[in-house]
Protein backbone atom coordinates (compact mmCIF):
# COMPACT_ATOMS: atom_id res chain seq x y z
CA UNK A 1 21.61 11.69 -14.50
CA UNK A 2 18.55 13.42 -13.07
CA UNK A 3 16.09 11.46 -15.23
CA UNK A 4 17.82 8.17 -14.51
CA UNK A 5 17.73 8.77 -10.74
CA UNK A 6 14.07 9.78 -10.94
CA UNK A 7 13.25 6.52 -12.70
CA UNK A 8 15.16 4.54 -10.10
CA UNK A 9 13.33 6.32 -7.28
CA UNK A 10 9.97 5.55 -8.92
CA UNK A 11 10.84 1.86 -9.33
CA UNK A 12 12.15 1.69 -5.76
CA UNK A 13 8.91 3.21 -4.46
CA UNK A 14 6.87 0.70 -6.43
CA UNK A 15 9.01 -2.16 -5.07
CA UNK A 16 8.60 -0.86 -1.51
CA UNK A 17 4.83 -0.66 -1.90
CA UNK A 18 4.75 -4.20 -3.28
CA UNK A 19 6.75 -5.40 -0.28
CA UNK A 20 4.39 -3.60 2.10
CA UNK A 21 1.45 -5.28 0.44
CA UNK A 22 2.73 -8.78 1.11
CA UNK A 23 1.16 -10.45 4.18
CA UNK A 24 3.10 -12.13 6.95
CA UNK A 25 6.22 -9.95 6.70
CA UNK A 26 6.68 -10.10 10.47
CA UNK A 27 7.18 -13.86 10.42
CA UNK A 28 9.70 -16.22 8.88
CA UNK A 29 8.71 -17.99 5.69
CA UNK A 30 6.37 -20.88 6.40
CA UNK A 31 6.00 -20.00 10.09
CA UNK A 32 2.43 -20.14 11.44
CA UNK A 33 1.43 -17.01 13.34
CA UNK A 34 -0.71 -17.59 16.43
CA UNK A 35 -1.65 -13.89 16.49
CA UNK A 36 -1.09 -11.41 13.66
CA UNK A 37 -0.23 -8.01 15.08
CA UNK A 38 -1.16 -4.90 13.15
CA UNK A 39 1.91 -4.29 10.93
CA UNK A 40 1.45 -0.56 11.44
CA UNK A 41 1.82 -0.87 15.22
CA UNK A 42 4.56 1.31 16.72
CA UNK A 43 6.86 -0.25 19.32
CA UNK A 44 6.51 1.38 22.71
CA UNK A 45 7.78 0.43 26.16
CA UNK A 46 5.51 1.18 29.08
CA UNK A 47 7.07 2.91 32.09
CA UNK A 48 6.99 1.70 35.67
CA UNK A 49 7.10 5.34 36.81
CA UNK A 50 4.19 7.54 35.72
CA UNK A 51 6.33 10.63 35.04
CA UNK A 52 8.31 8.65 32.46
CA UNK A 53 5.26 7.32 30.59
CA UNK A 54 5.51 7.42 26.77
CA UNK A 55 2.74 9.36 24.98
CA UNK A 56 0.01 7.75 22.89
CA UNK A 57 -1.69 9.58 20.01
CA UNK A 58 -5.29 9.20 18.75
CA UNK A 59 -5.88 6.80 15.88
CA UNK A 60 -2.64 4.92 16.53
CA UNK A 61 -1.82 1.28 17.26
CA UNK A 62 1.10 0.27 19.47
CA UNK A 63 2.90 -2.92 20.38
CA UNK A 64 4.29 -3.43 23.87
CA UNK A 65 4.78 -6.22 26.43
CA UNK A 66 4.22 -6.80 30.13
CA UNK A 67 5.77 -9.12 32.71
CA UNK A 68 4.06 -10.98 35.53
CA UNK A 69 3.03 -8.59 38.30
CA UNK A 70 4.12 -5.55 36.31
CA UNK A 71 2.31 -2.20 36.24
CA UNK A 72 3.00 -0.06 33.20
CA UNK A 73 2.09 3.57 32.43
CA UNK A 74 1.39 5.31 29.12
CA UNK A 75 0.45 8.99 28.75
CA UNK A 76 -2.52 10.75 27.16
CA UNK A 77 -2.69 14.49 26.52
CA UNK A 78 -6.40 15.33 26.50
CA UNK A 79 -8.43 18.47 25.96
CA UNK A 80 -11.69 19.13 27.80
CA UNK A 81 -13.92 17.90 24.94
CA UNK A 82 -12.53 14.53 23.82
CA UNK A 83 -13.93 11.11 24.67
CA UNK A 84 -10.83 8.90 24.70
CA UNK A 85 -10.77 5.08 24.57
CA UNK A 86 -7.62 3.00 25.04
CA UNK A 87 -7.79 -0.77 24.56
CA UNK A 88 -5.24 -3.45 25.32
CA UNK A 89 -5.11 -6.90 23.74
CA UNK A 90 -3.06 -9.26 25.89
CA UNK A 91 -1.45 -12.12 23.98
CA UNK A 92 0.08 -14.73 26.33
CA UNK A 93 2.83 -16.95 25.04
CA UNK A 94 2.68 -20.71 25.23
CA UNK A 95 2.11 -22.14 28.68
CA UNK A 96 -0.42 -22.43 31.45
CA UNK A 97 -2.78 -19.69 32.60
CA UNK A 98 -4.94 -19.93 35.70
CA UNK A 99 -8.38 -18.74 36.75
CA UNK A 100 -8.16 -15.01 37.47
CA UNK A 101 -5.03 -14.36 35.42
CA UNK A 102 -5.35 -11.32 33.20
CA UNK A 103 -4.90 -7.59 32.85
CA UNK A 104 -6.66 -4.48 34.14
CA UNK A 105 -6.73 -1.34 32.00
CA UNK A 106 -7.51 2.01 33.62
CA UNK A 107 -7.30 5.70 32.75
CA UNK A 108 -6.34 8.05 35.60
CA UNK A 109 -5.99 11.80 35.95
CA UNK A 110 -2.89 13.59 37.24
CA UNK A 111 -3.96 13.00 40.87
CA UNK A 112 -4.38 9.25 40.18
CA UNK A 113 -8.17 9.41 40.36
CA UNK A 114 -9.57 6.61 38.22
CA UNK A 115 -11.73 7.69 35.28
CA UNK A 116 -12.71 4.12 34.33
CA UNK A 117 -11.26 0.62 34.24
CA UNK A 118 -11.94 -2.80 32.78
CA UNK A 119 -10.42 -6.19 33.48
CA UNK A 120 -9.84 -8.92 30.92
CA UNK A 121 -9.31 -12.21 32.72
CA UNK A 122 -9.22 -15.94 32.14
CA UNK A 123 -12.02 -17.60 34.03
CA UNK A 124 -13.28 -21.19 33.78
CA UNK A 125 -11.78 -21.63 30.30
CA UNK A 126 -8.21 -21.78 31.62
CA UNK A 127 -6.17 -21.83 28.43
CA UNK A 128 -4.02 -19.16 26.83
CA UNK A 129 -5.63 -17.02 24.11
CA UNK A 130 -5.83 -13.32 23.23
CA UNK A 131 -8.07 -11.30 25.58
CA UNK A 132 -9.01 -7.62 25.35
CA UNK A 133 -10.30 -4.81 27.51
CA UNK A 134 -10.47 -1.02 27.44
CA UNK A 135 -10.76 2.07 29.59
CA UNK A 136 -12.18 5.46 28.71
CA UNK A 137 -12.36 9.05 29.72
CA UNK A 138 -15.69 10.54 28.63
CA UNK A 139 -16.89 14.10 28.92
CA UNK A 140 -19.85 14.26 31.29
CA UNK A 141 -21.23 17.60 32.55
CA UNK A 142 -22.71 15.80 35.55
CA UNK A 143 -19.32 14.46 36.66
CA UNK A 144 -16.73 16.35 38.70
CA UNK A 145 -13.76 14.07 37.95
CA UNK A 146 -11.64 13.50 34.83
CA UNK A 147 -13.17 16.47 33.00
CA UNK A 148 -10.27 18.91 32.84
CA UNK A 149 -7.80 19.25 29.99
CA UNK A 150 -4.35 17.95 30.85
CA UNK A 151 -2.19 14.88 31.25
CA UNK A 152 -3.83 11.52 31.93
CA UNK A 153 -2.23 8.12 32.45
CA UNK A 154 -3.19 4.74 31.04
CA UNK A 155 -2.25 2.07 33.59
CA UNK A 156 -2.03 -1.58 32.57
CA UNK A 157 -1.60 -4.13 35.35
CA UNK A 158 -0.96 -7.84 34.89
CA UNK A 159 -1.88 -10.48 37.42
CA UNK A 160 -0.73 -14.10 37.06
CA UNK A 161 -0.83 -16.91 39.61
CA UNK A 162 2.37 -18.55 40.80
CA UNK A 163 1.37 -21.72 38.92
CA UNK A 164 1.06 -19.87 35.59
CA UNK A 165 3.73 -19.61 32.93
CA UNK A 166 6.04 -16.71 33.91
CA UNK A 167 6.87 -15.44 30.42
CA UNK A 168 6.08 -11.96 29.08
CA UNK A 169 2.75 -11.25 27.43
CA UNK A 170 2.64 -9.20 24.26
CA UNK A 171 0.31 -6.20 24.23
CA UNK A 172 -1.42 -4.52 21.31
CA UNK A 173 -2.68 -1.06 22.30
CA UNK A 174 -5.17 1.13 20.44
CA UNK A 175 -6.13 4.70 21.19
CA UNK A 176 -9.38 5.94 19.62
CA UNK A 177 -10.98 9.35 20.02
CA UNK A 178 -14.77 9.43 19.74
CA UNK A 179 -16.30 12.26 17.67
CA UNK A 180 -18.37 14.89 19.43
CA UNK A 181 -22.06 14.18 19.66
CA UNK A 182 -24.67 16.63 18.44
CA UNK A 183 -25.74 19.40 20.86
CA UNK A 184 -26.62 18.05 24.28
CA UNK A 185 -30.24 19.17 24.13
CA UNK A 186 -30.90 16.87 21.17
CA UNK A 187 -29.34 13.75 22.75
CA UNK A 188 -30.84 11.33 25.29
CA UNK A 189 -29.06 11.33 28.64
CA UNK A 190 -30.56 8.17 30.13
CA UNK A 191 -30.12 4.52 29.20
CA UNK A 192 -33.08 2.76 27.53
CA UNK A 193 -35.18 0.85 30.04
CA UNK A 194 -36.76 -1.60 27.58
CA UNK A 195 -35.46 -3.21 24.41
CA UNK A 196 -36.39 -6.35 22.44
CA UNK A 197 -34.66 -9.36 23.98
CA UNK A 198 -36.19 -12.23 22.03
CA UNK A 199 -33.72 -14.10 19.85
CA UNK A 200 -34.69 -14.27 16.17
CA UNK A 201 -35.13 -17.46 14.17
CA UNK A 202 -31.84 -18.83 12.79
CA UNK A 203 -30.80 -17.63 9.31
CA UNK A 204 -32.41 -19.62 6.51
CA UNK A 205 -29.91 -18.77 3.79
CA UNK A 206 -27.58 -21.41 2.33
CA UNK A 207 -24.49 -21.86 4.55
CA UNK A 208 -21.32 -20.31 3.16
CA UNK A 209 -17.65 -20.96 3.82
CA UNK A 210 -15.69 -18.21 5.56
CA UNK A 211 -12.25 -18.62 7.16
CA UNK A 212 -11.66 -16.60 10.32
CA UNK A 213 -8.55 -14.51 10.88
CA UNK A 214 -5.83 -14.81 13.50
CA UNK A 215 -6.33 -11.40 15.15
CA UNK A 216 -8.47 -8.28 15.28
CA UNK A 217 -6.38 -6.88 12.43
CA UNK A 218 -7.20 -9.66 9.94
CA UNK A 219 -10.63 -10.67 11.27
CA UNK A 220 -12.90 -11.94 8.49
CA UNK A 221 -16.03 -9.93 7.72
CA UNK A 222 -19.45 -11.55 8.25
CA UNK A 223 -23.05 -10.48 7.67
CA UNK A 224 -26.38 -12.11 8.50
CA UNK A 225 -26.19 -15.78 7.58
CA UNK A 226 -24.70 -19.15 8.48
CA UNK A 227 -20.93 -19.41 8.10
CA UNK A 228 -18.85 -22.59 8.06
CA UNK A 229 -15.23 -22.73 9.18
CA UNK A 230 -13.06 -25.10 11.19
CA UNK A 231 -10.91 -24.57 14.26
CA UNK A 232 -7.86 -26.44 15.52
CA UNK A 233 -7.10 -27.06 19.20
CA UNK A 234 -5.17 -24.19 20.76
CA UNK A 235 -6.24 -21.71 18.08
CA UNK A 236 -8.45 -18.61 18.07
CA UNK A 237 -10.50 -17.52 15.05
CA UNK A 238 -11.48 -13.87 14.63
CA UNK A 239 -14.48 -12.44 12.76
CA UNK A 240 -16.14 -9.04 12.58
CA UNK A 241 -19.72 -7.93 11.92
CA UNK A 242 -20.88 -4.38 11.02
CA UNK A 243 -23.68 -3.29 13.38
CA UNK A 244 -25.25 0.11 12.76
CA UNK A 245 -27.18 2.47 15.05
CA UNK A 246 -30.45 0.90 16.20
CA UNK A 247 -29.41 -2.61 15.15
CA UNK A 248 -28.98 -5.74 17.27
CA UNK A 249 -26.52 -8.57 16.71
CA UNK A 250 -27.23 -12.20 17.64
CA UNK A 251 -24.53 -14.87 17.57
CA UNK A 252 -24.43 -18.63 18.09
CA UNK A 253 -21.64 -21.16 17.48
CA UNK A 254 -21.97 -24.86 16.69
CA UNK A 255 -19.06 -27.25 17.09
CA UNK A 256 -19.31 -30.31 14.85
CA UNK A 257 -18.78 -33.92 15.84
CA UNK A 258 -15.55 -35.88 15.80
CA UNK A 259 -15.22 -39.64 15.46
CA UNK A 260 -11.78 -39.71 17.08
CA UNK A 261 -13.05 -40.05 20.66
CA UNK A 262 -15.93 -39.55 23.07
CA UNK A 263 -13.82 -38.19 25.94
CA UNK A 264 -15.37 -35.28 27.85
CA UNK A 265 -13.41 -32.01 27.74
CA UNK A 266 -14.76 -29.32 30.04
CA UNK A 267 -14.66 -25.64 29.02
CA UNK A 268 -13.40 -26.56 25.56
CA UNK A 269 -14.72 -23.63 23.52
CA UNK A 270 -14.70 -19.95 24.50
CA UNK A 271 -16.55 -17.25 22.55
CA UNK A 272 -16.30 -13.49 23.15
CA UNK A 273 -17.67 -10.29 21.57
CA UNK A 274 -15.90 -6.90 21.60
CA UNK A 275 -17.09 -3.49 20.40
CA UNK A 276 -15.46 -1.20 17.77
CA UNK A 277 -13.06 0.26 20.37
CA UNK A 278 -12.21 -3.32 21.49
CA UNK A 279 -14.04 -2.98 24.75
CA UNK A 280 -15.41 -6.29 26.01
CA UNK A 281 -19.14 -6.71 25.43
CA UNK A 282 -19.98 -10.26 26.50
CA UNK A 283 -18.81 -13.87 26.57
CA UNK A 284 -20.75 -17.09 26.14
CA UNK A 285 -20.57 -19.75 28.82
CA UNK A 286 -17.59 -21.96 27.88
CA UNK A 287 -18.74 -24.94 25.86
CA UNK A 288 -17.79 -28.49 26.86
CA UNK A 289 -17.11 -31.15 24.22
CA UNK A 290 -17.42 -34.93 24.04
CA UNK A 291 -17.18 -35.58 20.32
CA UNK A 292 -20.88 -34.86 19.62
CA UNK A 293 -22.41 -31.78 17.95
CA UNK A 294 -22.94 -29.01 20.48
CA UNK A 295 -23.93 -25.34 20.45
CA UNK A 296 -23.64 -22.12 22.46
CA UNK A 297 -25.06 -18.60 22.03
CA UNK A 298 -24.44 -15.11 23.33
CA UNK A 299 -27.29 -13.77 25.43
CA UNK A 300 -29.42 -11.16 23.59
CA UNK A 301 -27.84 -7.71 23.51
CA UNK A 302 -29.57 -4.32 23.20
CA UNK A 303 -29.70 -2.35 19.95
CA UNK A 304 -26.70 -0.10 19.42
CA UNK A 305 -27.47 3.30 20.94
CA UNK A 306 -25.40 6.26 22.12
CA UNK A 307 -27.36 6.41 25.37
CA UNK A 308 -26.43 2.81 26.28
CA UNK A 309 -23.33 4.33 27.88
CA UNK A 310 -25.49 5.56 30.75
CA UNK A 311 -26.46 2.01 31.74
CA UNK A 312 -24.71 0.58 34.80
CA UNK A 313 -24.52 -2.89 33.22
CA UNK A 314 -21.21 -3.27 31.39
CA UNK A 315 -22.58 -5.45 28.56
CA UNK A 316 -25.27 -2.84 27.81
CA UNK A 317 -22.89 0.09 28.22
CA UNK A 318 -20.49 -1.47 25.72
CA UNK A 319 -23.14 -1.34 22.97
CA UNK A 320 -22.60 2.43 22.67
CA UNK A 321 -21.09 2.59 19.17
CA UNK A 322 -21.96 1.65 15.63
CA UNK A 323 -19.15 -0.03 13.70
CA UNK A 324 -17.39 -3.37 13.50
CA UNK A 325 -18.13 -5.77 16.36
CA UNK A 326 -15.43 -8.42 16.79
CA UNK A 327 -16.14 -12.07 17.54
CA UNK A 328 -13.41 -14.42 18.76
CA UNK A 329 -13.80 -18.19 19.09
CA UNK A 330 -11.09 -20.24 20.85
CA UNK A 331 -10.67 -24.00 21.17
CA UNK A 332 -8.76 -25.42 24.14
CA UNK A 333 -5.45 -27.17 23.40
CA UNK A 334 -6.64 -29.98 25.70
CA UNK A 335 -8.96 -31.07 22.91
CA UNK A 336 -5.88 -32.32 21.02
CA UNK A 337 -5.06 -34.78 23.80
CA UNK A 338 -8.25 -36.74 23.11
CA UNK A 339 -9.14 -35.78 19.54
CA UNK A 340 -5.81 -35.07 17.89
CA UNK A 341 -4.56 -31.92 16.19
CA UNK A 342 -7.06 -32.05 13.32
CA UNK A 343 -9.38 -29.05 13.06
CA UNK A 344 -13.02 -29.55 14.07
CA UNK A 345 -15.92 -28.14 12.00
CA UNK A 346 -17.28 -24.82 13.30
CA UNK A 347 -20.52 -23.12 12.28
CA UNK A 348 -21.48 -19.54 13.15
CA UNK A 349 -25.03 -18.23 12.87
CA UNK A 350 -25.14 -14.42 12.67
CA UNK A 351 -28.23 -12.21 12.63
CA UNK A 352 -28.12 -8.42 12.44
CA UNK A 353 -31.65 -7.21 13.09
CA UNK A 354 -33.23 -3.76 12.78
CA UNK A 355 -33.21 -0.76 10.49
CA UNK A 356 -30.09 1.41 10.58
CA UNK A 357 -30.67 4.76 12.31
CA UNK A 358 -28.96 8.14 12.10
CA UNK A 359 -25.55 8.84 13.60
CA UNK A 360 -25.52 10.91 16.81
CA UNK A 361 -22.31 12.62 15.72
CA UNK A 362 -22.06 15.92 13.92
CA UNK A 363 -18.91 14.93 11.99
CA UNK A 364 -17.35 11.92 10.29
CA UNK A 365 -17.42 9.10 12.82
CA UNK A 366 -14.51 6.99 11.54
CA UNK A 367 -14.51 3.55 13.17
CA UNK A 368 -17.75 4.41 15.00
CA UNK A 369 -19.89 4.10 11.89
CA UNK A 370 -20.97 1.61 9.24
CA UNK A 371 -20.26 2.64 5.67
CA UNK A 372 -21.32 1.07 2.39
CA UNK A 373 -17.76 -0.16 2.01
CA UNK A 374 -18.03 -1.89 5.40
CA UNK A 375 -21.18 -3.67 4.23
CA UNK A 376 -19.44 -4.71 1.02
CA UNK A 377 -16.48 -6.05 3.01
CA UNK A 378 -18.80 -8.05 5.26
CA UNK A 379 -20.54 -9.49 2.22
CA UNK A 380 -17.28 -10.50 0.53
CA UNK A 381 -15.50 -11.49 3.74
CA UNK A 382 -12.60 -9.08 3.25
CA UNK A 383 -10.63 -8.25 6.36
CA UNK A 384 -9.01 -4.91 7.19
CA UNK A 385 -5.63 -6.36 6.17
CA UNK A 386 -6.99 -7.47 2.79
CA UNK A 387 -8.58 -4.06 2.24
CA UNK A 388 -5.25 -2.39 3.07
CA UNK A 389 -3.42 -4.64 0.60
CA UNK A 390 -6.04 -3.93 -2.05
CA UNK A 391 -5.66 -0.18 -1.52
CA UNK A 392 -1.88 -0.49 -1.67
CA UNK A 393 -2.01 -2.49 -4.89
CA UNK A 394 -4.30 0.12 -6.44
CA UNK A 395 -1.70 2.72 -5.49
CA UNK A 396 1.02 0.51 -6.96
CA UNK A 397 -1.02 0.22 -10.16
CA UNK A 398 -1.35 3.99 -10.44
CA UNK A 399 2.37 4.42 -9.75
CA UNK A 400 3.19 1.75 -12.34
CA UNK A 401 1.00 3.41 -14.95
CA UNK A 402 2.58 6.79 -14.15
CA UNK A 403 6.10 5.35 -14.46
CA UNK A 404 5.11 3.70 -17.72
CA UNK A 405 3.77 6.96 -19.10
CA UNK A 406 7.03 8.72 -18.16
CA UNK A 407 9.08 6.02 -19.90
CA UNK A 408 6.93 6.04 -23.02
CA UNK A 409 7.05 9.83 -23.28
CA UNK A 410 10.79 9.82 -22.68
CA UNK A 411 11.41 7.21 -25.35
CA UNK A 412 9.19 9.19 -27.72
CA UNK A 413 11.21 12.35 -27.13
CA UNK A 414 14.48 10.42 -27.58
CA UNK A 415 13.25 8.89 -30.87
CA UNK A 416 12.16 12.28 -32.19
CA UNK A 417 15.46 13.91 -31.25
CA UNK A 418 17.46 11.02 -32.68
CA UNK A 419 15.62 11.28 -36.00
CA UNK A 420 16.16 15.03 -36.18
CA UNK A 421 19.84 14.55 -35.40
CA UNK A 422 20.17 11.88 -38.06
CA UNK A 423 18.51 14.16 -40.61
CA UNK A 424 20.94 16.93 -39.70
CA UNK A 425 23.97 14.66 -40.19
CA UNK A 426 22.66 13.47 -43.57
CA UNK A 427 22.34 17.09 -44.69
CA UNK A 428 25.95 17.81 -43.75
CA UNK A 429 25.21 19.50 -40.41
CA UNK A 430 27.49 19.55 -37.34
CA UNK A 431 28.40 16.26 -35.77
CA UNK A 432 29.82 17.34 -32.38
CA UNK A 433 33.40 17.34 -33.50
CA UNK A 434 32.89 14.80 -36.21
CA UNK A 435 31.86 11.99 -33.86
CA UNK A 436 28.61 10.18 -34.65
CA UNK A 437 26.91 11.19 -31.38
CA UNK A 438 23.66 12.88 -30.43
CA UNK A 439 22.53 15.28 -27.71
CA UNK A 440 25.78 16.21 -26.06
CA UNK A 441 27.94 13.25 -27.00
CA UNK A 442 28.69 9.92 -25.37
CA UNK A 443 25.60 8.06 -26.67
CA UNK A 444 25.66 6.36 -30.06
CA UNK A 445 22.66 6.59 -32.30
CA UNK A 446 21.81 2.97 -31.47
CA UNK A 447 20.99 3.80 -27.81
CA UNK A 448 19.04 6.43 -25.85
CA UNK A 449 20.62 9.80 -25.15
CA UNK A 450 22.64 10.29 -22.00
CA UNK A 451 20.56 10.92 -18.92
CA UNK A 452 18.37 7.76 -19.34
């Protein structure tokens, strides 16, 4: 029975991997997902009391939730050398949000001194959509706080006006540890004072179609060029662009015309950019819409540089890593009241400018780098979820080939043994008590030996 069980285990493993490779497993068949959470996210409940905070581990993704007015703690165990970044994506349910609603993420030491904080809030574009922010603890020899090894707390606070929908907001948490930089003497310790701020000419390549994702997890890859998509009222489209050390990224969005109406909708389109650790970089001024073609752009951003972190301006400080930069574009549900539920054409113009420089890290940088595979994914449009499925299917293929080889070899051995047994019977040899069986009895010559 050992061989039979081994075969069943192999087939079960292959079936499990196939199931894992299928998208949308978290949702019922045919159900549209407003936000696709990372399927690898671990469920965790934040604590209202700091001493009961659940621990987070580097490189992990978590799923949690937060109520109106709630303050939740999560724990970090840090050494004296690690730069730690914890981001929170807040995903409101259906319903109204108001100006100033949002979350604040902070990291605090054991005495409740704040290491850093960032707020992600709804401003003039008052409609529900995913928003993200992060906090960090960085090692800084010139600082006297948050430098010791020990227990730190991540505190997430939600603020919602009385007029806002009272339901829980989902949270997607990520904890990333930044690699150590090269020796301090070889690294700049001051932010750049001057950098090129002139926007480049729009891409001249032929526009290509590229459908955005529903979350950071399945964001579609983009490279320099013009990309055509469409966006429905109440939806958010996610994209990601690899930006290497020394490179700048420029982004503009055009919303196409609609013949359904000419009604003016204020703050109809919101566009935001986040860095590889999902820290907020910048947002464009919300775009109004009246059925005519209209456009909005992000203000020029500095080239990616390690030393940007020393700048006091948050949008410059956020350009501190190489890696995937995430672009989200959201269309207000109010657009449907005047223009219907039909999606409106959306065009994105992306320019990544500059020659890639050397990494400031002495080791593999993980998400804080741009690899050749990242560039290939941007060119083809593959998302992280598609890459994961592709990797899984390659594993399934190898497992399938291995199982096939085992079966073929097994059948070959059975055939050889059966032939030898048949030859022995024909020559008048033993027959296991006279019965026409082979290899221990119980299996006729017409079938495989027992144990298969």
